[in-house]
PDB file of all heavy atoms in Angstrom:
ATOM      1  N   PHE A   1     149.171  63.676 195.141  1.00  0.00           N
ATOM      2  CA  PHE A   1     149.926  62.846 194.195  1.00  0.00           C
ATOM      3  C   PHE A   1     150.703  61.824 195.013  1.00  0.00           C
ATOM      4  O   PHE A   1     151.678  62.154 195.668  1.00  0.00           O
ATOM      5  CB  PHE A   1     150.857  63.720 193.356  1.00  0.00           C
ATOM      6  CG  PHE A   1     151.698  62.960 192.352  1.00  0.00           C
ATOM      7  CD1 PHE A   1     151.373  61.667 191.953  1.00  0.00           C
ATOM      8  CD2 PHE A   1     152.832  63.528 191.800  1.00  0.00           C
ATOM      9  CE1 PHE A   1     152.133  60.968 191.034  1.00  0.00           C
ATOM     10  CE2 PHE A   1     153.608  62.852 190.871  1.00  0.00           C
ATOM     11  CZ  PHE A   1     153.257  61.574 190.491  1.00  0.00           C
ATOM     12  N   GLU A   2     150.254  60.583 194.974  1.00  0.00           N
ATOM     13  CA  GLU A   2     150.867  59.515 195.757  1.00  0.00           C
ATOM     14  C   GLU A   2     152.045  58.876 195.013  1.00  0.00           C
ATOM     15  O   GLU A   2     152.019  58.735 193.800  1.00  0.00           O
ATOM     16  CB  GLU A   2     149.842  58.440 196.093  1.00  0.00           C
ATOM     17  CG  GLU A   2     149.029  58.719 197.343  1.00  0.00           C
ATOM     18  CD  GLU A   2     149.821  58.518 198.623  1.00  0.00           C
ATOM     19  OE1 GLU A   2     150.982  58.070 198.562  1.00  0.00           O
ATOM     20  OE2 GLU A   2     149.253  58.809 199.693  1.00  0.00           O
ATOM     21  N   GLU A   3     153.062  58.487 195.799  1.00  0.00           N
ATOM     22  CA  GLU A   3     154.237  57.760 195.314  1.00  0.00           C
ATOM     23  C   GLU A   3     154.912  58.513 194.167  1.00  0.00           C
ATOM     24  O   GLU A   3     155.226  57.945 193.122  1.00  0.00           O
ATOM     25  CB  GLU A   3     153.844  56.337 194.892  1.00  0.00           C
ATOM     26  CG  GLU A   3     153.319  55.504 196.062  1.00  0.00           C
ATOM     27  CD  GLU A   3     153.040  54.055 195.678  1.00  0.00           C
ATOM     28  OE1 GLU A   3     153.506  53.628 194.616  1.00  0.00           O
ATOM     29  OE2 GLU A   3     152.361  53.366 196.460  1.00  0.00           O
ATOM     30  N   PHE A   4     155.151  59.802 194.392  1.00  0.00           N
ATOM     31  CA  PHE A   4     155.802  60.588 193.348  1.00  0.00           C
ATOM     32  C   PHE A   4     157.281  60.219 193.221  1.00  0.00           C
ATOM     33  O   PHE A   4     157.899  60.476 192.184  1.00  0.00           O
ATOM     34  CB  PHE A   4     155.625  62.090 193.602  1.00  0.00           C
ATOM     35  CG  PHE A   4     156.635  62.705 194.539  1.00  0.00           C
ATOM     36  CD1 PHE A   4     157.778  63.317 194.035  1.00  0.00           C
ATOM     37  CD2 PHE A   4     156.440  62.694 195.911  1.00  0.00           C
ATOM     38  CE1 PHE A   4     158.715  63.890 194.883  1.00  0.00           C
ATOM     39  CE2 PHE A   4     157.362  63.269 196.771  1.00  0.00           C
ATOM     40  CZ  PHE A   4     158.509  63.872 196.247  1.00  0.00           C
ATOM     41  N   LEU A   5     157.853  59.625 194.264  1.00  0.00           N
ATOM     42  CA  LEU A   5     159.221  59.127 194.178  1.00  0.00           C
ATOM     43  C   LEU A   5     159.197  57.671 193.730  1.00  0.00           C
ATOM     44  O   LEU A   5     158.492  56.846 194.306  1.00  0.00           O
ATOM     45  CB  LEU A   5     159.923  59.229 195.536  1.00  0.00           C
ATOM     46  CG  LEU A   5     160.310  60.619 196.018  1.00  0.00           C
ATOM     47  CD1 LEU A   5     160.877  60.554 197.425  1.00  0.00           C
ATOM     48  CD2 LEU A   5     161.325  61.253 195.078  1.00  0.00           C
ATOM     49  N   THR A   6     159.965  57.352 192.700  1.00  0.00           N
ATOM     50  CA  THR A   6     160.013  55.995 192.182  1.00  0.00           C
ATOM     51  C   THR A   6     161.374  55.786 191.540  1.00  0.00           C
ATOM     52  O   THR A   6     162.232  56.665 191.580  1.00  0.00           O
ATOM     53  CB  THR A   6     158.869  55.770 191.159  1.00  0.00           C
ATOM     54  OG1 THR A   6     158.897  54.426 190.703  1.00  0.00           O
ATOM     55  CG2 THR A   6     158.997  56.706 189.973  1.00  0.00           C
ATOM     56  N   ASP A   7     161.574  54.627 190.955  1.00  0.00           N
ATOM     57  CA  ASP A   7     162.819  54.394 190.219  1.00  0.00           C
ATOM     58  C   ASP A   7     162.584  54.341 188.718  1.00  0.00           C
ATOM     59  O   ASP A   7     163.477  54.014 187.952  1.00  0.00           O
ATOM     60  CB  ASP A   7     163.494  53.101 190.691  1.00  0.00           C
ATOM     61  CG  ASP A   7     162.545  51.914 190.683  1.00  0.00           C
ATOM     62  OD1 ASP A   7     161.418  52.053 190.157  1.00  0.00           O
ATOM     63  OD2 ASP A   7     162.922  50.852 191.197  1.00  0.00           O
ATOM     64  N   MET A   8     161.356  54.690 188.285  1.00  0.00           N
ATOM     65  CA  MET A   8     161.049  54.710 186.857  1.00  0.00           C
ATOM     66  C   MET A   8     159.978  55.779 186.600  1.00  0.00           C
ATOM     67  O   MET A   8     158.821  55.616 186.990  1.00  0.00           O
ATOM     68  CB  MET A   8     160.544  53.344 186.389  1.00  0.00           C
ATOM     69  CG  MET A   8     160.350  53.258 184.886  1.00  0.00           C
ATOM     70  SD  MET A   8     161.882  53.495 183.968  1.00  0.00           S
ATOM     71  CE  MET A   8     162.774  51.987 184.426  1.00  0.00           C
ATOM     72  N   TYR A   9     160.372  56.880 185.960  1.00  0.00           N
ATOM     73  CA  TYR A   9     159.471  57.999 185.718  1.00  0.00           C
ATOM     74  C   TYR A   9     158.966  57.997 184.280  1.00  0.00           C
ATOM     75  O   TYR A   9     159.573  57.408 183.382  1.00  0.00           O
ATOM     76  CB  TYR A   9     160.176  59.320 186.028  1.00  0.00           C
ATOM     77  CG  TYR A   9     160.513  59.483 187.485  1.00  0.00           C
ATOM     78  CD1 TYR A   9     161.743  59.034 187.985  1.00  0.00           C
ATOM     79  CD2 TYR A   9     159.610  60.048 188.376  1.00  0.00           C
ATOM     80  CE1 TYR A   9     162.050  59.162 189.334  1.00  0.00           C
ATOM     81  CE2 TYR A   9     159.912  60.170 189.718  1.00  0.00           C
ATOM     82  CZ  TYR A   9     161.129  59.725 190.200  1.00  0.00           C
ATOM     83  OH  TYR A   9     161.434  59.844 191.527  1.00  0.00           O
ATOM     84  N   LEU A  10     157.853  58.692 184.067  1.00  0.00           N
ATOM     85  CA  LEU A  10     157.291  58.832 182.732  1.00  0.00           C
ATOM     86  C   LEU A  10     158.097  59.842 181.924  1.00  0.00           C
ATOM     87  O   LEU A  10     158.699  60.760 182.496  1.00  0.00           O
ATOM     88  CB  LEU A  10     155.842  59.323 182.816  1.00  0.00           C
ATOM     89  CG  LEU A  10     154.836  58.461 183.565  1.00  0.00           C
ATOM     90  CD1 LEU A  10     153.513  59.206 183.688  1.00  0.00           C
ATOM     91  CD2 LEU A  10     154.626  57.138 182.852  1.00  0.00           C
ATOM     92  N   PRO A  11     158.101  59.716 180.612  1.00  0.00           N
ATOM     93  CA  PRO A  11     158.680  60.792 179.795  1.00  0.00           C
ATOM     94  C   PRO A  11     157.907  62.086 180.032  1.00  0.00           C
ATOM     95  O   PRO A  11     156.674  62.081 180.069  1.00  0.00           O
ATOM     96  CB  PRO A  11     158.496  60.281 178.355  1.00  0.00           C
ATOM     97  CG  PRO A  11     158.308  58.805 178.475  1.00  0.00           C
ATOM     98  CD  PRO A  11     157.629  58.584 179.793  1.00  0.00           C
ATOM     99  N   ARG A  12     158.615  63.178 180.229  1.00  0.00           N
ATOM    100  CA  ARG A  12     158.010  64.500 180.442  1.00  0.00           C
ATOM    101  C   ARG A  12     157.016  64.483 181.610  1.00  0.00           C
ATOM    102  O   ARG A  12     155.975  65.152 181.590  1.00  0.00           O
ATOM    103  CB  ARG A  12     157.319  64.971 179.163  1.00  0.00           C
ATOM    104  CG  ARG A  12     158.241  64.998 177.954  1.00  0.00           C
ATOM    105  CD  ARG A  12     157.533  65.366 176.682  1.00  0.00           C
ATOM    106  NE  ARG A  12     157.141  66.776 176.685  1.00  0.00           N
ATOM    107  CZ  ARG A  12     156.557  67.376 175.651  1.00  0.00           C
ATOM    108  NH1 ARG A  12     156.301  66.682 174.546  1.00  0.00           N
ATOM    109  NH2 ARG A  12     156.228  68.642 175.721  1.00  0.00           N
ATOM    110  N   GLU A  13     157.343  63.738 182.649  1.00  0.00           N
ATOM    111  CA  GLU A  13     156.413  63.583 183.771  1.00  0.00           C
ATOM    112  C   GLU A  13     156.130  64.892 184.487  1.00  0.00           C
ATOM    113  O   GLU A  13     154.977  65.203 184.828  1.00  0.00           O
ATOM    114  CB  GLU A  13     156.948  62.553 184.771  1.00  0.00           C
ATOM    115  CG  GLU A  13     156.060  62.419 185.997  1.00  0.00           C
ATOM    116  CD  GLU A  13     156.394  61.238 186.868  1.00  0.00           C
ATOM    117  OE1 GLU A  13     156.713  60.158 186.340  1.00  0.00           O
ATOM    118  OE2 GLU A  13     156.329  61.395 188.100  1.00  0.00           O
ATOM    119  N   VAL A  14     157.172  65.672 184.756  1.00  0.00           N
ATOM    120  CA  VAL A  14     156.978  66.936 185.481  1.00  0.00           C
ATOM    121  C   VAL A  14     156.053  67.856 184.690  1.00  0.00           C
ATOM    122  O   VAL A  14     155.161  68.505 185.259  1.00  0.00           O
ATOM    123  CB  VAL A  14     158.334  67.621 185.740  1.00  0.00           C
ATOM    124  CG1 VAL A  14     158.124  68.933 186.485  1.00  0.00           C
ATOM    125  CG2 VAL A  14     159.255  66.709 186.544  1.00  0.00           C
ATOM    126  N   GLU A  15     156.250  67.893 183.397  1.00  0.00           N
ATOM    127  CA  GLU A  15     155.399  68.721 182.533  1.00  0.00           C
ATOM    128  C   GLU A  15     153.947  68.254 182.588  1.00  0.00           C
ATOM    129  O   GLU A  15     153.012  69.072 182.595  1.00  0.00           O
ATOM    130  CB  GLU A  15     155.913  68.665 181.099  1.00  0.00           C
ATOM    131  CG  GLU A  15     155.162  69.554 180.126  1.00  0.00           C
ATOM    132  CD  GLU A  15     155.728  69.495 178.729  1.00  0.00           C
ATOM    133  OE1 GLU A  15     156.966  69.312 178.596  1.00  0.00           O
ATOM    134  OE2 GLU A  15     154.960  69.632 177.766  1.00  0.00           O
ATOM    135  N   ASN A  16     153.732  66.943 182.641  1.00  0.00           N
ATOM    136  CA  ASN A  16     152.371  66.405 182.717  1.00  0.00           C
ATOM    137  C   ASN A  16     151.690  66.799 184.023  1.00  0.00           C
ATOM    138  O   ASN A  16     150.501  67.152 184.032  1.00  0.00           O
ATOM    139  CB  ASN A  16     152.392  64.886 182.583  1.00  0.00           C
ATOM    140  CG  ASN A  16     152.665  64.427 181.164  1.00  0.00           C
ATOM    141  OD1 ASN A  16     152.715  65.223 180.244  1.00  0.00           O
ATOM    142  ND2 ASN A  16     152.871  63.135 180.989  1.00  0.00           N
ATOM    143  N   LEU A  17     152.418  66.719 185.132  1.00  0.00           N
ATOM    144  CA  LEU A  17     151.833  67.117 186.404  1.00  0.00           C
ATOM    145  C   LEU A  17     151.500  68.602 186.392  1.00  0.00           C
ATOM    146  O   LEU A  17     150.410  69.012 186.828  1.00  0.00           O
ATOM    147  CB  LEU A  17     152.795  66.807 187.561  1.00  0.00           C
ATOM    148  CG  LEU A  17     152.303  67.276 188.939  1.00  0.00           C
ATOM    149  CD1 LEU A  17     151.033  66.532 189.342  1.00  0.00           C
ATOM    150  CD2 LEU A  17     153.374  67.091 189.996  1.00  0.00           C
ATOM    151  N   GLU A  18     152.418  69.422 185.903  1.00  0.00           N
ATOM    152  CA  GLU A  18     152.175  70.860 185.855  1.00  0.00           C
ATOM    153  C   GLU A  18     150.983  71.181 184.959  1.00  0.00           C
ATOM    154  O   GLU A  18     150.227  72.125 185.227  1.00  0.00           O
ATOM    155  CB  GLU A  18     153.423  71.583 185.368  1.00  0.00           C
ATOM    156  CG  GLU A  18     154.577  71.548 186.370  1.00  0.00           C
ATOM    157  CD  GLU A  18     155.831  72.212 185.846  1.00  0.00           C
ATOM    158  OE1 GLU A  18     155.847  72.590 184.655  1.00  0.00           O
ATOM    159  OE2 GLU A  18     156.804  72.358 186.616  1.00  0.00           O
ATOM    160  N   SER A  19     150.780  70.385 183.902  1.00  0.00           N
ATOM    161  CA  SER A  19     149.635  70.588 183.021  1.00  0.00           C
ATOM    162  C   SER A  19     148.318  70.333 183.753  1.00  0.00           C
ATOM    163  O   SER A  19     147.357  71.104 183.628  1.00  0.00           O
ATOM    164  CB  SER A  19     149.747  69.667 181.805  1.00  0.00           C
ATOM    165  OG  SER A  19     148.590  69.757 180.982  1.00  0.00           O
ATOM    166  N   ILE A  20     148.284  69.260 184.551  1.00  0.00           N
ATOM    167  CA  ILE A  20     147.069  68.952 185.317  1.00  0.00           C
ATOM    168  C   ILE A  20     146.811  70.033 186.362  1.00  0.00           C
ATOM    169  O   ILE A  20     145.671  70.487 186.545  1.00  0.00           O
ATOM    170  CB  ILE A  20     147.195  67.567 185.978  1.00  0.00           C
ATOM    171  CG1 ILE A  20     147.173  66.468 184.901  1.00  0.00           C
ATOM    172  CG2 ILE A  20     146.061  67.340 186.983  1.00  0.00           C
ATOM    173  CD1 ILE A  20     147.395  65.072 185.436  1.00  0.00           C
ATOM    174  N   VAL A  21     147.861  70.465 187.038  1.00  0.00           N
ATOM    175  CA  VAL A  21     147.704  71.516 188.049  1.00  0.00           C
ATOM    176  C   VAL A  21     147.173  72.795 187.415  1.00  0.00           C
ATOM    177  O   VAL A  21     146.256  73.438 187.937  1.00  0.00           O
ATOM    178  CB  VAL A  21     149.041  71.782 188.771  1.00  0.00           C
ATOM    179  CG1 VAL A  21     148.909  72.984 189.708  1.00  0.00           C
ATOM    180  CG2 VAL A  21     149.480  70.555 189.562  1.00  0.00           C
ATOM    181  N   SER A  22     147.732  73.183 186.274  1.00  0.00           N
ATOM    182  CA  SER A  22     147.299  74.420 185.622  1.00  0.00           C
ATOM    183  C   SER A  22     145.874  74.303 185.096  1.00  0.00           C
ATOM    184  O   SER A  22     145.137  75.293 185.049  1.00  0.00           O
ATOM    185  CB  SER A  22     148.254  74.784 184.489  1.00  0.00           C
ATOM    186  OG  SER A  22     148.223  73.812 183.462  1.00  0.00           O
ATOM    187  N   THR A  23     145.453  73.094 184.689  1.00  0.00           N
ATOM    188  CA  THR A  23     144.073  72.886 184.243  1.00  0.00           C
ATOM    189  C   THR A  23     143.103  73.102 185.388  1.00  0.00           C
ATOM    190  O   THR A  23     142.044  73.729 185.225  1.00  0.00           O
ATOM    191  CB  THR A  23     143.896  71.460 183.678  1.00  0.00           C
ATOM    192  OG1 THR A  23     144.688  71.321 182.497  1.00  0.00           O
ATOM    193  CG2 THR A  23     142.448  71.171 183.340  1.00  0.00           C
ATOM    194  N   ILE A  24     143.457  72.598 186.564  1.00  0.00           N
ATOM    195  CA  ILE A  24     142.593  72.736 187.739  1.00  0.00           C
ATOM    196  C   ILE A  24     142.636  74.161 188.277  1.00  0.00           C
ATOM    197  O   ILE A  24     141.609  74.745 188.627  1.00  0.00           O
ATOM    198  CB  ILE A  24     143.022  71.732 188.831  1.00  0.00           C
ATOM    199  CG1 ILE A  24     142.796  70.298 188.333  1.00  0.00           C
ATOM    200  CG2 ILE A  24     142.256  71.972 190.126  1.00  0.00           C
ATOM    201  CD1 ILE A  24     143.371  69.242 189.245  1.00  0.00           C
ATOM    202  N   ALA A  25     143.836  74.730 188.323  1.00  0.00           N
ATOM    203  CA  ALA A  25     144.013  76.078 188.893  1.00  0.00           C
ATOM    204  C   ALA A  25     144.082  77.109 187.778  1.00  0.00           C
ATOM    205  O   ALA A  25     145.111  77.760 187.580  1.00  0.00           O
ATOM    206  CB  ALA A  25     145.282  76.110 189.746  1.00  0.00           C
ATOM    207  N   ARG A  26     142.987  77.271 187.058  1.00  0.00           N
ATOM    208  CA  ARG A  26     143.007  78.206 185.930  1.00  0.00           C
ATOM    209  C   ARG A  26     143.133  79.650 186.393  1.00  0.00           C
ATOM    210  O   ARG A  26     143.877  80.440 185.811  1.00  0.00           O
ATOM    211  CB  ARG A  26     141.746  78.034 185.083  1.00  0.00           C
ATOM    212  CG  ARG A  26     141.682  76.689 184.363  1.00  0.00           C
ATOM    213  CD  ARG A  26     140.474  76.611 183.447  1.00  0.00           C
ATOM    214  NE  ARG A  26     140.363  75.292 182.830  1.00  0.00           N
ATOM    215  CZ  ARG A  26     140.987  74.925 181.726  1.00  0.00           C
ATOM    216  NH1 ARG A  26     141.790  75.766 181.108  1.00  0.00           N
ATOM    217  NH2 ARG A  26     140.807  73.710 181.232  1.00  0.00           N
TER     218      ARG A  26
END
């Protein structure tokens, strides 16, 4: 995950990343 540090994040961004990780790591 590139450039995870920024000055403008997505709504519920952490949840979205965790969702992708859990999809891959079933």
